PDB file of N, CA and C in Angstrom:
ATOM      1  N   UNK A   1       0.832  -1.100  -0.078  1.00  0.00           N
ATOM      2  CA  UNK A   1      -0.221  -0.137  -0.116  1.00  0.00           C
ATOM      3  C   UNK A   1       0.921   1.363  -0.129  1.00  0.00           C
ATOM      4  N   UNK A   2       1.878   1.273   0.862  1.00  0.00           N
ATOM      5  CA  UNK A   2       2.867   2.367   0.724  1.00  0.00           C
ATOM      6  C   UNK A   2       3.427   2.681  -0.888  1.00  0.00           C
ATOM      7  N   UNK A   3       3.834   1.669  -1.361  1.00  0.00           N
ATOM      8  CA  UNK A   3       4.155   1.868  -2.560  1.00  0.00           C
ATOM      9  C   UNK A   3       3.100   2.366  -3.718  1.00  0.00           C
ATOM     10  N   UNK A   4       1.909   2.045  -3.472  1.00  0.00           N
ATOM     11  CA  UNK A   4       0.664   2.339  -4.306  1.00  0.00           C
ATOM     12  C   UNK A   4       0.513   4.064  -3.879  1.00  0.00           C
ATOM     13  N   UNK A   5       0.339   4.376  -2.723  1.00  0.00           N
ATOM     14  CA  UNK A   5       0.011   5.790  -2.118  1.00  0.00           C
ATOM     15  C   UNK A   5       1.193   6.442  -1.810  1.00  0.00           C
ATOM     16  N   UNK A   6       2.418   6.172  -2.386  1.00  0.00           N
ATOM     17  CA  UNK A   6       3.549   6.900  -1.877  1.00  0.00           C
ATOM     18  C   UNK A   6       3.353   8.387  -2.141  1.00  0.00           C
ATOM     19  N   UNK A   7       3.033   9.029  -3.178  1.00  0.00           N
ATOM     20  CA  UNK A   7       2.762  10.494  -3.365  1.00  0.00           C
ATOM     21  C   UNK A   7       1.250  10.576  -3.377  1.00  0.00           C
ATOM     22  N   UNK A   8       0.724  10.825  -2.310  1.00  0.00           N
ATOM     23  CA  UNK A   8      -0.808  10.958  -2.125  1.00  0.00           C
ATOM     24  C   UNK A   8      -1.001  12.248  -2.299  1.00  0.00           C
ATOM     25  N   UNK A   9      -1.284  12.798  -3.448  1.00  0.00           N
ATOM     26  CA  UNK A   9      -1.681  14.323  -3.717  1.00  0.00           C
ATOM     27  C   UNK A   9      -3.003  14.778  -3.284  1.00  0.00           C
ATOM     28  N   UNK A  10      -3.835  13.684  -3.455  1.00  0.00           N
ATOM     29  CA  UNK A  10      -5.242  14.203  -2.963  1.00  0.00           C
ATOM     30  C   UNK A  10      -5.263  14.400  -1.391  1.00  0.00           C
ATOM     31  N   UNK A  11      -4.647  13.438  -0.803  1.00  0.00           N
ATOM     32  CA  UNK A  11      -4.580  13.677   0.659  1.00  0.00           C
ATOM     33  C   UNK A  11      -4.021  14.875   1.264  1.00  0.00           C
ATOM     34  N   UNK A  12      -3.003  15.056   0.445  1.00  0.00           N
ATOM     35  CA  UNK A  12      -2.092  16.380   0.849  1.00  0.00           C
ATOM     36  C   UNK A  12      -3.018  17.588   0.744  1.00  0.00           C
ATOM     37  N   UNK A  13      -3.597  17.648  -0.425  1.00  0.00           N
ATOM     38  CA  UNK A  13      -4.446  18.820  -0.884  1.00  0.00           C
ATOM     39  C   UNK A  13      -5.724  18.800  -0.146  1.00  0.00           C
ATOM     40  N   UNK A  14      -6.373  17.666   0.086  1.00  0.00           N
ATOM     41  CA  UNK A  14      -7.531  17.716   1.089  1.00  0.00           C
ATOM     42  C   UNK A  14      -7.176  18.399   2.487  1.00  0.00           C
ATOM     43  N   UNK A  15      -6.243  18.034   2.924  1.00  0.00           N
ATOM     44  CA  UNK A  15      -5.913  18.456   4.468  1.00  0.00           C
ATOM     45  C   UNK A  15      -5.683  20.181   4.261  1.00  0.00           C
ATOM     46  N   UNK A  16      -4.951  20.554   3.394  1.00  0.00           N
ATOM     47  CA  UNK A  16      -4.560  21.963   2.931  1.00  0.00           C
ATOM     48  C   UNK A  16      -5.921  22.586   2.835  1.00  0.00           C
ATOM     49  N   UNK A  17      -6.901  22.225   2.001  1.00  0.00           N
ATOM     50  CA  UNK A  17      -8.094  22.754   1.618  1.00  0.00           C
ATOM     51  C   UNK A  17      -8.842  22.812   3.107  1.00  0.00           C
ATOM     52  N   UNK A  18      -9.085  21.675   3.747  1.00  0.00           N
ATOM     53  CA  UNK A  18      -9.972  21.662   4.951  1.00  0.00           C
ATOM     54  C   UNK A  18      -9.483  22.759   6.115  1.00  0.00           C
ATOM     55  N   UNK A  19      -7.970  22.946   6.007  1.00  0.00           N
ATOM     56  CA  UNK A  19      -7.399  23.846   7.013  1.00  0.00           C
ATOM     57  C   UNK A  19      -7.870  25.349   6.493  1.00  0.00           C
ATOM     58  N   UNK A  20      -7.760  25.576   5.290  1.00  0.00           N
ATOM     59  CA  UNK A  20      -8.216  26.836   4.703  1.00  0.00           C
ATOM     60  C   UNK A  20      -9.723  26.933   4.793  1.00  0.00           C
ATOM     61  N   UNK A  21     -10.452  26.021   4.640  1.00  0.00           N
ATOM     62  CA  UNK A  21     -11.859  26.343   4.944  1.00  0.00           C
ATOM     63  C   UNK A  21     -12.224  26.372   6.354  1.00  0.00           C
ATOM     64  N   UNK A  22     -11.504  25.823   7.146  1.00  0.00           N
ATOM     65  CA  UNK A  22     -11.659  26.113   8.611  1.00  0.00           C
ATOM     66  C   UNK A  22     -11.568  27.524   9.043  1.00  0.00           C
ATOM     67  N   UNK A  23     -10.377  28.161   8.759  1.00  0.00           N
ATOM     68  CA  UNK A  23      -9.801  29.409   8.940  1.00  0.00           C
ATOM     69  C   UNK A  23     -10.793  30.404   8.068  1.00  0.00           C
ATOM     70  N   UNK A  24     -11.290  29.970   6.819  1.00  0.00           N
ATOM     71  CA  UNK A  24     -12.177  30.961   6.182  1.00  0.00           C
ATOM     72  C   UNK A  24     -13.433  31.042   6.896  1.00  0.00           C
ATOM     73  N   UNK A  25     -13.776  29.995   7.461  1.00  0.00           N
ATOM     74  CA  UNK A  25     -15.205  29.981   8.185  1.00  0.00           C
ATOM     75  C   UNK A  25     -15.299  31.090   9.133  1.00  0.00           C
ATOM     76  N   UNK A  26     -14.314  31.419   9.910  1.00  0.00           N
ATOM     77  CA  UNK A  26     -14.342  32.316  10.885  1.00  0.00           C
ATOM     78  C   UNK A  26     -14.518  33.731  10.241  1.00  0.00           C
ATOM     79  N   UNK A  27     -14.123  34.019   8.947  1.00  0.00           N
ATOM     80  CA  UNK A  27     -14.316  35.544   8.801  1.00  0.00           C
ATOM     81  C   UNK A  27     -15.258  35.533   7.286  1.00  0.00           C
ATOM     82  N   UNK A  28     -15.332  34.351   6.684  1.00  0.00           N
ATOM     83  CA  UNK A  28     -16.399  34.366   5.321  1.00  0.00           C
ATOM     84  C   UNK A  28     -17.085  33.071   5.342  1.00  0.00           C
ATOM     85  N   UNK A  29     -18.075  32.950   6.317  1.00  0.00           N
ATOM     86  CA  UNK A  29     -18.593  31.574   6.284  1.00  0.00           C
ATOM     87  C   UNK A  29     -19.230  31.247   5.010  1.00  0.00           C
ATOM     88  N   UNK A  30     -19.712  32.086   4.234  1.00  0.00           N
ATOM     89  CA  UNK A  30     -20.465  31.692   2.761  1.00  0.00           C
ATOM     90  C   UNK A  30     -19.441  31.054   1.897  1.00  0.00           C
ATOM     91  N   UNK A  31     -18.266  31.776   1.857  1.00  0.00           N
ATOM     92  CA  UNK A  31     -17.100  31.236   1.155  1.00  0.00           C
ATOM     93  C   UNK A  31     -16.577  29.861   1.531  1.00  0.00           C
ATOM     94  N   UNK A  32     -16.861  29.577   2.680  1.00  0.00           N
ATOM     95  CA  UNK A  32     -16.375  28.235   3.420  1.00  0.00           C
ATOM     96  C   UNK A  32     -17.322  27.123   2.832  1.00  0.00           C
ATOM     97  N   UNK A  33     -18.551  27.478   2.878  1.00  0.00           N
ATOM     98  CA  UNK A  33     -19.529  26.548   2.085  1.00  0.00           C
ATOM     99  C   UNK A  33     -19.120  26.258   0.834  1.00  0.00           C
ATOM    100  N   UNK A  34     -18.949  27.152   0.146  1.00  0.00           N
ATOM    101  CA  UNK A  34     -18.605  26.997  -1.483  1.00  0.00           C
ATOM    102  C   UNK A  34     -17.194  26.234  -1.647  1.00  0.00           C
ATOM    103  N   UNK A  35     -16.386  26.618  -0.585  1.00  0.00           N
ATOM    104  CA  UNK A  35     -15.206  25.950  -0.850  1.00  0.00           C
ATOM    105  C   UNK A  35     -15.014  24.473  -0.400  1.00  0.00           C
ATOM    106  N   UNK A  36     -16.223  24.103   0.517  1.00  0.00           N
ATOM    107  CA  UNK A  36     -16.356  22.607   0.978  1.00  0.00           C
ATOM    108  C   UNK A  36     -16.842  21.744  -0.360  1.00  0.00           C
ATOM    109  N   UNK A  37     -17.202  22.366  -1.187  1.00  0.00           N
ATOM    110  CA  UNK A  37     -17.614  21.575  -2.612  1.00  0.00           C
ATOM    111  C   UNK A  37     -16.250  20.930  -3.241  1.00  0.00           C
ATOM    112  N   UNK A  38     -15.063  21.779  -3.222  1.00  0.00           N
ATOM    113  CA  UNK A  38     -13.815  21.412  -3.996  1.00  0.00           C
ATOM    114  C   UNK A  38     -13.385  20.062  -3.609  1.00  0.00           C
ATOM    115  N   UNK A  39     -13.013  19.782  -2.143  1.00  0.00           N
ATOM    116  CA  UNK A  39     -12.361  18.595  -1.926  1.00  0.00           C
ATOM    117  C   UNK A  39     -13.551  17.427  -2.174  1.00  0.00           C
ATOM    118  N   UNK A  40     -14.804  17.666  -2.088  1.00  0.00           N
ATOM    119  CA  UNK A  40     -15.951  16.604  -2.688  1.00  0.00           C
ATOM    120  C   UNK A  40     -15.472  16.382  -4.023  1.00  0.00           C
ATOM    121  N   UNK A  41     -15.385  17.103  -4.755  1.00  0.00           N
ATOM    122  CA  UNK A  41     -15.179  16.948  -6.344  1.00  0.00           C
ATOM    123  C   UNK A  41     -13.888  16.147  -6.368  1.00  0.00           C
ATOM    124  N   UNK A  42     -12.954  16.422  -5.679  1.00  0.00           N
ATOM    125  CA  UNK A  42     -11.474  16.016  -5.753  1.00  0.00           C
ATOM    126  C   UNK A  42     -11.605  14.482  -5.478  1.00  0.00           C
ATOM    127  N   UNK A  43     -12.430  13.986  -4.524  1.00  0.00           N
ATOM    128  CA  UNK A  43     -12.539  12.633  -4.137  1.00  0.00           C
ATOM    129  C   UNK A  43     -13.542  11.892  -5.073  1.00  0.00           C
ATOM    130  N   UNK A  44     -14.331  12.539  -5.817  1.00  0.00           N
ATOM    131  CA  UNK A  44     -15.574  11.959  -6.441  1.00  0.00           C
ATOM    132  C   UNK A  44     -14.812  11.440  -7.897  1.00  0.00           C
ATOM    133  N   UNK A  45     -13.667  11.936  -8.044  1.00  0.00           N
ATOM    134  CA  UNK A  45     -12.913  11.432  -9.374  1.00  0.00           C
ATOM    135  C   UNK A  45     -12.093  10.174  -8.936  1.00  0.00           C
ATOM    136  N   UNK A  46     -12.116   9.278  -9.725  1.00  0.00           N
ATOM    137  CA  UNK A  46     -11.612   7.978  -9.405  1.00  0.00           C
ATOM    138  C   UNK A  46     -10.036   8.053  -9.223  1.00  0.00           C
ATOM    139  N   UNK A  47      -9.202   7.266  -8.452  1.00  0.00           N
ATOM    140  CA  UNK A  47      -7.925   7.502  -8.362  1.00  0.00           C
ATOM    141  C   UNK A  47      -7.323   6.377  -9.349  1.00  0.00           C
ATOM    142  N   UNK A  48      -6.521   7.072 -10.351  1.00  0.00           N
ATOM    143  CA  UNK A  48      -5.976   6.072 -11.368  1.00  0.00           C
ATOM    144  C   UNK A  48      -5.195   4.971 -10.843  1.00  0.00           C
ATOM    145  N   UNK A  49      -4.342   5.368  -9.863  1.00  0.00           N
ATOM    146  CA  UNK A  49      -3.531   4.554  -9.145  1.00  0.00           C
ATOM    147  C   UNK A  49      -4.219   3.219  -8.818  1.00  0.00           C
ATOM    148  N   UNK A  50      -5.310   3.193  -7.989  1.00  0.00           N
ATOM    149  CA  UNK A  50      -6.197   2.109  -7.703  1.00  0.00           C
ATOM    150  C   UNK A  50      -6.699   1.394  -8.958  1.00  0.00           C
ATOM    151  N   UNK A  51      -7.168   2.228  -9.966  1.00  0.00           N
ATOM    152  CA  UNK A  51      -7.688   1.496 -11.041  1.00  0.00           C
ATOM    153  C   UNK A  51      -6.538   0.723 -11.606  1.00  0.00           C
ATOM    154  N   UNK A  52      -5.385   1.124 -11.684  1.00  0.00           N
ATOM    155  CA  UNK A  52      -4.343   0.301 -12.431  1.00  0.00           C
ATOM    156  C   UNK A  52      -4.000  -0.859 -11.463  1.00  0.00           C
ATOM    157  N   UNK A  53      -4.038  -0.819 -10.115  1.00  0.00           N
ATOM    158  CA  UNK A  53      -3.718  -1.692  -9.346  1.00  0.00           C
ATOM    159  C   UNK A  53      -4.878  -3.175  -9.318  1.00  0.00           C
ATOM    160  N   UNK A  54      -5.906  -2.541  -9.366  1.00  0.00           N
ATOM    161  CA  UNK A  54      -6.975  -3.680  -9.537  1.00  0.00           C
ATOM    162  C   UNK A  54      -7.183  -4.254 -10.808  1.00  0.00           C
ATOM    163  N   UNK A  55      -6.975  -3.523 -12.005  1.00  0.00           N
ATOM    164  CA  UNK A  55      -7.103  -3.931 -13.303  1.00  0.00           C
ATOM    165  C   UNK A  55      -6.020  -3.720 -14.060  1.00  0.00           C
ATOM    166  N   UNK A  56      -5.167  -4.796 -13.957  1.00  0.00           N
ATOM    167  CA  UNK A  56      -3.869  -4.589 -14.885  1.00  0.00           C
ATOM    168  C   UNK A  56      -3.953  -4.632 -16.183  1.00  0.00           C
TER     169      UNK A  56
END
């Protein structure tokens, strides 16, 4: 699994986005609701590494 997920771009970007959304919620709550949609879209897209691993 470590080899498969060595460079986990989605995970790192998601954490950064959630931290940004949390801070943004203190000052601009409406913008934070809009930004919550971004990580959701990021994870809806299938990860090609998993597809390659299970369907060689």
